[in-house]
C-alpha atoms as a PDB file:
ATOM      1  CA  UNK A   1      10.877  35.281  82.749  1.00  0.00           C
ATOM      2  CA  UNK A   2      10.154  31.719  82.863  1.00  0.00           C
ATOM      3  CA  UNK A   3       8.675  30.251  80.598  1.00  0.00           C
ATOM      4  CA  UNK A   4       7.544  25.412  80.657  1.00  0.00           C
ATOM      5  CA  UNK A   5       5.246  23.203  79.347  1.00  0.00           C
ATOM      6  CA  UNK A   6       4.309  19.658  79.489  1.00  0.00           C
ATOM      7  CA  UNK A   7       1.479  16.455  79.238  1.00  0.00           C
ATOM      8  CA  UNK A   8       0.613  14.739  82.035  1.00  0.00           C
ATOM      9  CA  UNK A   9      -0.717  11.650  80.616  1.00  0.00           C
ATOM     10  CA  UNK A  10       0.034   8.347  83.136  1.00  0.00           C
ATOM     11  CA  UNK A  11      -1.095   9.148  85.856  1.00  0.00           C
ATOM     12  CA  UNK A  12       0.559   7.730  89.170  1.00  0.00           C
ATOM     13  CA  UNK A  13      -1.348   4.385  90.353  1.00  0.00           C
ATOM     14  CA  UNK A  14      -4.071   4.750  92.286  1.00  0.00           C
ATOM     15  CA  UNK A  15      -4.571   8.542  91.307  1.00  0.00           C
ATOM     16  CA  UNK A  16      -8.314   8.674  91.038  1.00  0.00           C
ATOM     17  CA  UNK A  17     -10.718  11.830  90.258  1.00  0.00           C
ATOM     18  CA  UNK A  18     -13.630  10.300  91.315  1.00  0.00           C
ATOM     19  CA  UNK A  19     -13.747  12.270  93.853  1.00  0.00           C
ATOM     20  CA  UNK A  20     -14.475  15.994  91.695  1.00  0.00           C
ATOM     21  CA  UNK A  21     -17.589  14.958  90.561  1.00  0.00           C
ATOM     22  CA  UNK A  22     -17.718  11.368  89.101  1.00  0.00           C
ATOM     23  CA  UNK A  23     -14.637  11.286  86.457  1.00  0.00           C
ATOM     24  CA  UNK A  24     -11.254   9.723  86.376  1.00  0.00           C
ATOM     25  CA  UNK A  25      -8.527  12.332  84.612  1.00  0.00           C
ATOM     26  CA  UNK A  26      -7.672  10.755  81.555  1.00  0.00           C
ATOM     27  CA  UNK A  27      -4.908  13.069  80.451  1.00  0.00           C
ATOM     28  CA  UNK A  28      -3.650  17.167  81.322  1.00  0.00           C
ATOM     29  CA  UNK A  29      -1.676  19.390  78.910  1.00  0.00           C
ATOM     30  CA  UNK A  30      -0.424  22.625  80.371  1.00  0.00           C
ATOM     31  CA  UNK A  31       1.655  25.517  79.760  1.00  0.00           C
ATOM     32  CA  UNK A  32       2.780  29.328  81.711  1.00  0.00           C
ATOM     33  CA  UNK A  33       4.939  31.912  80.651  1.00  0.00           C
ATOM     34  CA  UNK A  34       5.506  34.967  82.166  1.00  0.00           C
ATOM     35  CA  UNK A  35       8.030  37.220  84.407  1.00  0.00           C
ATOM     36  CA  UNK A  36       9.270  36.234  88.321  1.00  0.00           C
ATOM     37  CA  UNK A  37      11.949  37.641  91.073  1.00  0.00           C
ATOM     38  CA  UNK A  38      14.001  35.245  92.896  1.00  0.00           C
ATOM     39  CA  UNK A  39      16.768  36.351  95.970  1.00  0.00           C
ATOM     40  CA  UNK A  40      20.166  34.117  96.527  1.00  0.00           C
ATOM     41  CA  UNK A  41      22.352  34.218  99.568  1.00  0.00           C
ATOM     42  CA  UNK A  42      25.671  32.783 100.280  1.00  0.00           C
ATOM     43  CA  UNK A  43      27.681  32.334 103.007  1.00  0.00           C
ATOM     44  CA  UNK A  44      31.319  31.214 102.945  1.00  0.00           C
ATOM     45  CA  UNK A  45      33.767  30.367 106.016  1.00  0.00           C
ATOM     46  CA  UNK A  46      37.256  28.725 106.010  1.00  0.00           C
ATOM     47  CA  UNK A  47      35.940  26.801 102.515  1.00  0.00           C
ATOM     48  CA  UNK A  48      32.567  25.733 104.152  1.00  0.00           C
ATOM     49  CA  UNK A  49      29.256  27.154 102.000  1.00  0.00           C
ATOM     50  CA  UNK A  50      25.172  27.465 102.558  1.00  0.00           C
ATOM     51  CA  UNK A  51      23.081  28.961  99.874  1.00  0.00           C
ATOM     52  CA  UNK A  52      20.091  29.836  99.712  1.00  0.00           C
ATOM     53  CA  UNK A  53      17.468  30.764  97.060  1.00  0.00           C
ATOM     54  CA  UNK A  54      13.871  31.706  96.421  1.00  0.00           C
ATOM     55  CA  UNK A  55      12.613  32.300  93.378  1.00  0.00           C
ATOM     56  CA  UNK A  56       8.593  33.075  93.114  1.00  0.00           C
ATOM     57  CA  UNK A  57       6.625  34.194  89.558  1.00  0.00           C
ATOM     58  CA  UNK A  58       2.908  34.893  88.309  1.00  0.00           C
ATOM     59  CA  UNK A  59       2.701  33.824  84.960  1.00  0.00           C
ATOM     60  CA  UNK A  60       0.340  33.244  82.069  1.00  0.00           C
ATOM     61  CA  UNK A  61      -0.742  30.270  82.184  1.00  0.00           C
ATOM     62  CA  UNK A  62      -2.839  27.452  79.745  1.00  0.00           C
ATOM     63  CA  UNK A  63      -4.606  23.530  80.829  1.00  0.00           C
ATOM     64  CA  UNK A  64      -6.174  21.460  79.667  1.00  0.00           C
ATOM     65  CA  UNK A  65      -8.161  18.492  80.949  1.00  0.00           C
ATOM     66  CA  UNK A  66      -9.218  15.213  79.373  1.00  0.00           C
ATOM     67  CA  UNK A  67     -11.525  12.349  81.204  1.00  0.00           C
ATOM     68  CA  UNK A  68     -12.092   8.735  80.204  1.00  0.00           C
ATOM     69  CA  UNK A  69     -16.013   9.217  80.166  1.00  0.00           C
ATOM     70  CA  UNK A  70     -16.353  10.136  76.818  1.00  0.00           C
ATOM     71  CA  UNK A  71     -18.993  12.961  77.148  1.00  0.00           C
ATOM     72  CA  UNK A  72     -17.039  14.652  80.029  1.00  0.00           C
ATOM     73  CA  UNK A  73     -16.208  18.735  79.434  1.00  0.00           C
ATOM     74  CA  UNK A  74     -13.086  19.168  78.106  1.00  0.00           C
ATOM     75  CA  UNK A  75     -12.016  22.097  80.094  1.00  0.00           C
ATOM     76  CA  UNK A  76      -9.478  24.564  78.330  1.00  0.00           C
ATOM     77  CA  UNK A  77      -8.938  27.395  80.549  1.00  0.00           C
ATOM     78  CA  UNK A  78      -6.263  30.680  81.319  1.00  0.00           C
ATOM     79  CA  UNK A  79      -5.201  32.868  83.333  1.00  0.00           C
ATOM     80  CA  UNK A  80      -2.867  33.350  86.351  1.00  0.00           C
ATOM     81  CA  UNK A  81      -0.548  30.085  88.083  1.00  0.00           C
ATOM     82  CA  UNK A  82       1.558  30.280  90.798  1.00  0.00           C
ATOM     83  CA  UNK A  83       5.310  29.133  91.035  1.00  0.00           C
ATOM     84  CA  UNK A  84       7.421  28.586  94.373  1.00  0.00           C
ATOM     85  CA  UNK A  85      10.601  27.345  93.460  1.00  0.00           C
ATOM     86  CA  UNK A  86      13.571  26.769  96.471  1.00  0.00           C
ATOM     87  CA  UNK A  87      16.831  25.582  96.022  1.00  0.00           C
ATOM     88  CA  UNK A  88      19.428  25.518  99.166  1.00  0.00           C
ATOM     89  CA  UNK A  89      23.280  24.019  99.377  1.00  0.00           C
ATOM     90  CA  UNK A  90      26.167  23.182 101.526  1.00  0.00           C
ATOM     91  CA  UNK A  91      29.481  21.622 101.873  1.00  0.00           C
ATOM     92  CA  UNK A  92      32.552  22.623 101.663  1.00  0.00           C
ATOM     93  CA  UNK A  93      34.732  23.442  98.674  1.00  0.00           C
ATOM     94  CA  UNK A  94      39.116  23.189  98.642  1.00  0.00           C
ATOM     95  CA  UNK A  95      41.857  23.740  95.917  1.00  0.00           C
ATOM     96  CA  UNK A  96      41.411  20.803  93.410  1.00  0.00           C
ATOM     97  CA  UNK A  97      37.534  18.658  95.334  1.00  0.00           C
ATOM     98  CA  UNK A  98      34.536  20.093  96.633  1.00  0.00           C
ATOM     99  CA  UNK A  99      31.533  18.082  98.264  1.00  0.00           C
ATOM    100  CA  UNK A 100      27.831  19.368  98.919  1.00  0.00           C
ATOM    101  CA  UNK A 101      24.562  18.699  98.970  1.00  0.00           C
ATOM    102  CA  UNK A 102      21.666  20.155  97.346  1.00  0.00           C
ATOM    103  CA  UNK A 103      17.982  20.108  98.106  1.00  0.00           C
ATOM    104  CA  UNK A 104      15.574  21.675  95.588  1.00  0.00           C
ATOM    105  CA  UNK A 105      11.637  21.488  95.330  1.00  0.00           C
ATOM    106  CA  UNK A 106       9.454  23.450  92.632  1.00  0.00           C
ATOM    107  CA  UNK A 107       5.540  23.591  93.433  1.00  0.00           C
ATOM    108  CA  UNK A 108       3.308  24.714  90.244  1.00  0.00           C
ATOM    109  CA  UNK A 109      -0.026  25.662  90.348  1.00  0.00           C
ATOM    110  CA  UNK A 110      -1.847  24.031  87.510  1.00  0.00           C
ATOM    111  CA  UNK A 111      -5.466  25.797  86.491  1.00  0.00           C
ATOM    112  CA  UNK A 112      -7.946  23.545  85.721  1.00  0.00           C
ATOM    113  CA  UNK A 113     -11.107  25.050  86.071  1.00  0.00           C
ATOM    114  CA  UNK A 114     -13.586  23.808  88.981  1.00  0.00           C
ATOM    115  CA  UNK A 115     -13.021  20.364  87.823  1.00  0.00           C
ATOM    116  CA  UNK A 116      -9.849  19.200  89.446  1.00  0.00           C
ATOM    117  CA  UNK A 117      -6.974  21.716  90.933  1.00  0.00           C
ATOM    118  CA  UNK A 118      -3.634  20.408  91.004  1.00  0.00           C
ATOM    119  CA  UNK A 119      -0.655  21.278  92.179  1.00  0.00           C
ATOM    120  CA  UNK A 120       2.626  20.274  90.843  1.00  0.00           C
ATOM    121  CA  UNK A 121       5.131  19.229  93.145  1.00  0.00           C
ATOM    122  CA  UNK A 122       8.734  18.640  92.254  1.00  0.00           C
ATOM    123  CA  UNK A 123      11.870  17.998  93.479  1.00  0.00           C
ATOM    124  CA  UNK A 124      15.580  16.078  93.960  1.00  0.00           C
ATOM    125  CA  UNK A 125      17.907  15.158  97.095  1.00  0.00           C
ATOM    126  CA  UNK A 126      21.698  14.769  95.410  1.00  0.00           C
ATOM    127  CA  UNK A 127      25.311  14.658  97.388  1.00  0.00           C
ATOM    128  CA  UNK A 128      28.205  15.683  95.299  1.00  0.00           C
ATOM    129  CA  UNK A 129      31.874  14.667  94.802  1.00  0.00           C
ATOM    130  CA  UNK A 130      34.192  16.811  92.573  1.00  0.00           C
ATOM    131  CA  UNK A 131      37.107  16.758  92.144  1.00  0.00           C
ATOM    132  CA  UNK A 132      39.070  19.242  89.364  1.00  0.00           C
ATOM    133  CA  UNK A 133      41.870  18.147  87.464  1.00  0.00           C
ATOM    134  CA  UNK A 134      44.444  19.811  84.606  1.00  0.00           C
ATOM    135  CA  UNK A 135      43.721  19.566  80.965  1.00  0.00           C
ATOM    136  CA  UNK A 136      46.873  18.518  79.171  1.00  0.00           C
ATOM    137  CA  UNK A 137      48.422  20.659  76.061  1.00  0.00           C
ATOM    138  CA  UNK A 138      46.756  18.509  73.600  1.00  0.00           C
ATOM    139  CA  UNK A 139      43.634  19.100  74.844  1.00  0.00           C
ATOM    140  CA  UNK A 140      43.717  22.629  75.440  1.00  0.00           C
ATOM    141  CA  UNK A 141      42.892  23.648  72.165  1.00  0.00           C
ATOM    142  CA  UNK A 142      39.864  21.766  71.708  1.00  0.00           C
ATOM    143  CA  UNK A 143      39.356  22.780  75.969  1.00  0.00           C
ATOM    144  CA  UNK A 144      39.786  26.099  75.001  1.00  0.00           C
ATOM    145  CA  UNK A 145      36.033  26.188  72.111  1.00  0.00           C
ATOM    146  CA  UNK A 146      34.224  25.590  75.709  1.00  0.00           C
ATOM    147  CA  UNK A 147      35.818  28.490  77.686  1.00  0.00           C
ATOM    148  CA  UNK A 148      32.959  31.320  77.763  1.00  0.00           C
ATOM    149  CA  UNK A 149      34.883  34.206  78.674  1.00  0.00           C
ATOM    150  CA  UNK A 150      36.594  33.626  74.845  1.00  0.00           C
ATOM    151  CA  UNK A 151      32.920  35.191  73.837  1.00  0.00           C
ATOM    152  CA  UNK A 152      32.461  37.721  76.047  1.00  0.00           C
END
């Protein structure tokens, strides 16, 4: 199950919906909730690893568009949207340290009726350098409070 929502009220510089019947988009509200399916696989060889993950969802979605023009229609749209989430990792894992690079891509089709169809595409790249350190005896009781295995 996956759900999220948002409001886009500051559009990127140069964004104009004038091609869509002469109306400029002012803001957009959206919300999605529904099931998703995912597949992930990891290949490990001598401390090196490669992981890929794909998730797709068909949630029930709602969106509402606001335009600059006072008489422009304020459209409310309900329906089934499409979402795609990709993630990839590559790196090396040693006993006390690890280094890896990650790529994340999220594509969300926003329901917008006939006025202005829109797709949100977000993502990022990351490089992580990780060093694992032990916990001293004085800090150990506090660290145990955050150990999830203790509560399962």
